[in-house]
Amino acid sequence: MVFSGKAISLSAMSAGFRATARRWVGWVFQPPYIALIAIPLLAMAMLFHSGFRSIAILLREERTTATVTRVEHPSHGRVAVYYSYKVDGRAYEGAGLPYWDPDRREPYTNGSTYEIRYSKIFPSVSMAQNPTDIFGQFLFGCGFLLWADYLATRNRAQKNIQKA
């Protein structure tokens, strides 16, 4: 392979790449950078998972009754529930289960109903659970990352003291 007028072998390139990657990984996992990098990554992952949907619902939340249209059991102990609902005469579909209700003894079947939340701005965006839950999940994740960062910092500080 010719690179900048010089022939470079692929093994030399991969060795250089590995050295650079090791240097970057070593930098990222230094104590203060764990939280500084991991918390924004956690926020982005949560936003892409269900956060944008939660925010859209929180902006103009409305509630309606959904009817179960299909129940699937993709694996042992898991249930996928699909529902339909109407807003201003238009039919929409969604998926998800509401919170566990200790008073409810029977499983969800086709035709059962429960309350869902949807966005008045985007009626096709709905969820069966409370959209504010994402904030609690994010705070729990941040707390865990800060705890891990504290442990890494404390262990590194103790090693530095022992060396001195």
Protein backbone atom coordinates (compact mmCIF):
# COMPACT_ATOMS: atom_id res chain seq x y z
CA MET A 1 0.00 0.00 0.00
CA VAL A 2 1.35 3.42 -0.91
CA PHE A 3 0.69 6.16 1.58
CA SER A 4 2.15 9.68 1.17
CA GLY A 5 4.59 8.42 -1.41
CA LYS A 6 5.92 5.65 0.85
CA ALA A 7 5.06 1.99 0.83
CA ILE A 8 3.59 0.89 4.16
CA SER A 9 2.71 -2.68 4.98
CA LEU A 10 -0.71 -3.50 6.43
CA SER A 11 0.90 -5.05 9.51
CA ALA A 12 2.76 -1.80 10.22
CA MET A 13 -0.49 0.13 9.81
CA SER A 14 -2.36 -2.21 12.13
CA ALA A 15 0.43 -2.01 14.72
CA GLY A 16 0.25 1.78 14.59
CA PHE A 17 -3.52 1.64 14.87
CA ARG A 18 -3.33 -0.69 17.86
CA ALA A 19 -0.85 1.62 19.62
CA THR A 20 -3.09 4.64 18.99
CA ALA A 21 -6.16 2.75 20.16
CA ARG A 22 -4.36 1.65 23.34
CA ARG A 23 -3.32 5.24 24.03
CA TRP A 24 -6.90 6.51 23.53
CA VAL A 25 -8.46 3.76 25.60
CA GLY A 26 -5.95 4.43 28.36
CA TRP A 27 -6.86 8.12 28.27
CA VAL A 28 -10.62 7.54 28.25
CA PHE A 29 -10.52 5.23 31.26
CA GLN A 30 -8.59 7.65 33.42
CA PRO A 31 -10.70 8.62 36.45
CA PRO A 32 -12.29 11.96 35.64
CA TYR A 33 -12.96 11.02 32.03
CA ILE A 34 -15.08 7.96 32.77
CA ALA A 35 -18.01 10.07 33.95
CA LEU A 36 -17.35 12.92 31.49
CA ILE A 37 -17.61 10.55 28.54
CA ALA A 38 -19.99 7.89 29.83
CA ILE A 39 -22.79 10.18 31.07
CA PRO A 40 -23.32 11.93 27.70
CA LEU A 41 -23.15 8.54 25.96
CA LEU A 42 -25.76 7.21 28.38
CA ALA A 43 -27.97 10.24 27.71
CA MET A 44 -27.72 9.75 23.94
CA ALA A 45 -28.48 6.03 24.20
CA MET A 46 -31.53 6.67 26.36
CA LEU A 47 -32.80 9.39 24.05
CA PHE A 48 -32.55 7.13 21.04
CA HIS A 49 -34.10 4.18 22.88
CA SER A 50 -37.32 5.84 24.05
CA GLY A 51 -36.44 9.34 25.17
CA PHE A 52 -37.60 11.23 22.10
CA ARG A 53 -40.94 9.43 22.30
CA SER A 54 -41.23 10.30 26.01
CA ILE A 55 -40.39 13.95 25.38
CA ALA A 56 -42.94 14.19 22.55
CA ILE A 57 -45.62 12.80 24.85
CA LEU A 58 -44.61 15.06 27.74
CA LEU A 59 -44.94 18.16 25.56
CA ARG A 60 -48.70 17.62 25.08
CA GLU A 61 -49.83 14.49 26.86
CA GLU A 62 -53.28 13.07 26.27
CA ARG A 63 -54.75 9.78 27.47
CA THR A 64 -57.08 7.32 25.83
CA THR A 65 -58.11 3.70 26.08
CA ALA A 66 -56.28 1.20 23.91
CA THR A 67 -57.56 -2.21 22.83
CA VAL A 68 -55.18 -5.18 22.68
CA THR A 69 -54.98 -6.48 19.11
CA ARG A 70 -52.26 -9.11 19.41
CA VAL A 71 -50.28 -10.84 22.16
CA GLU A 72 -47.02 -12.63 21.39
CA HIS A 73 -44.65 -14.65 23.53
CA PRO A 74 -41.23 -14.20 21.85
CA SER A 75 -39.37 -16.06 24.59
CA HIS A 76 -40.01 -17.71 27.93
CA GLY A 77 -41.36 -15.21 30.43
CA ARG A 78 -41.62 -12.35 27.93
CA VAL A 79 -44.78 -10.94 26.44
CA ALA A 80 -45.21 -8.49 23.57
CA VAL A 81 -48.58 -6.73 23.57
CA TYR A 82 -49.76 -4.73 20.56
CA TYR A 83 -52.68 -2.33 20.85
CA SER A 84 -54.76 0.02 18.75
CA TYR A 85 -56.40 3.29 19.71
CA LYS A 86 -58.33 6.11 18.05
CA VAL A 87 -57.68 9.83 18.15
CA ASP A 88 -60.10 12.18 16.41
CA GLY A 89 -61.55 9.28 14.43
CA ARG A 90 -58.17 8.05 13.15
CA ALA A 91 -56.83 4.64 14.14
CA TYR A 92 -53.25 4.19 15.41
CA GLU A 93 -51.23 1.24 16.66
CA GLY A 94 -48.61 0.84 19.33
CA ALA A 95 -46.91 -1.72 21.52
CA GLY A 96 -46.14 -2.05 25.19
CA LEU A 97 -47.54 -3.04 28.53
CA PRO A 98 -48.71 -0.76 31.31
CA TYR A 99 -47.19 -1.03 34.76
CA TRP A 100 -47.72 -4.20 36.70
CA ASP A 101 -51.04 -3.98 38.47
CA PRO A 102 -51.34 -6.17 41.58
CA ASP A 103 -55.16 -6.15 41.28
CA ARG A 104 -55.04 -7.55 37.74
CA ARG A 105 -54.90 -11.33 37.87
CA GLU A 106 -55.66 -12.34 34.28
CA PRO A 107 -53.17 -11.88 31.41
CA TYR A 108 -53.83 -9.46 28.59
CA THR A 109 -55.74 -11.06 25.73
CA ASN A 110 -57.11 -9.82 22.42
CA GLY A 111 -59.87 -7.34 23.15
CA SER A 112 -58.71 -6.33 26.66
CA THR A 113 -58.27 -2.62 27.26
CA TYR A 114 -56.00 -0.34 29.24
CA GLU A 115 -55.09 3.33 29.38
CA ILE A 116 -52.21 4.69 27.28
CA ARG A 117 -50.61 8.08 26.84
CA TYR A 118 -50.06 9.70 23.46
CA SER A 119 -48.79 12.99 22.10
CA LYS A 120 -51.47 15.50 21.08
CA ILE A 121 -48.95 16.94 18.60
CA PHE A 122 -47.98 13.54 17.15
CA PRO A 123 -50.91 11.18 17.85
CA SER A 124 -49.06 8.19 16.41
CA VAL A 125 -46.52 8.43 19.27
CA SER A 126 -47.82 6.52 22.28
CA MET A 127 -46.73 4.50 25.27
CA ALA A 128 -48.44 2.52 27.97
CA GLN A 129 -46.16 3.62 30.81
CA ASN A 130 -45.43 6.99 32.37
CA PRO A 131 -43.13 9.02 30.07
CA THR A 132 -41.35 10.65 33.04
CA ASP A 133 -39.77 7.31 33.97
CA ILE A 134 -36.88 7.97 31.60
CA PHE A 135 -35.63 10.75 33.88
CA GLY A 136 -35.46 8.43 36.88
CA GLN A 137 -33.67 5.80 34.81
CA PHE A 138 -31.19 8.41 33.60
CA LEU A 139 -30.51 9.65 37.14
CA PHE A 140 -29.98 6.07 38.34
CA GLY A 141 -27.54 5.47 35.45
CA CYS A 142 -25.67 8.70 36.21
CA GLY A 143 -25.42 7.77 39.86
CA PHE A 144 -23.98 4.38 38.93
CA LEU A 145 -21.42 5.97 36.58
CA LEU A 146 -20.37 8.53 39.19
CA TRP A 147 -20.00 5.73 41.76
CA ALA A 148 -17.81 3.76 39.31
CA ASP A 149 -15.78 6.90 38.62
CA TYR A 150 -15.33 7.48 42.37
CA LEU A 151 -14.15 3.90 42.88
CA ALA A 152 -11.67 4.18 40.00
CA THR A 153 -10.36 7.50 41.33
CA ARG A 154 -10.08 6.19 44.88
CA ASN A 155 -8.24 3.03 43.79
CA ARG A 156 -5.81 5.04 41.64
CA ALA A 157 -5.18 7.50 44.49
CA GLN A 158 -4.51 4.63 46.91
CA LYS A 159 -2.03 3.05 44.46
CA ASN A 160 -0.25 6.38 44.04
CA ILE A 161 0.03 6.76 47.83
CA GLN A 162 1.44 3.25 48.17
CA LYS A 163 4.05 3.97 45.48
CA ALA A 164 5.23 7.11 47.26
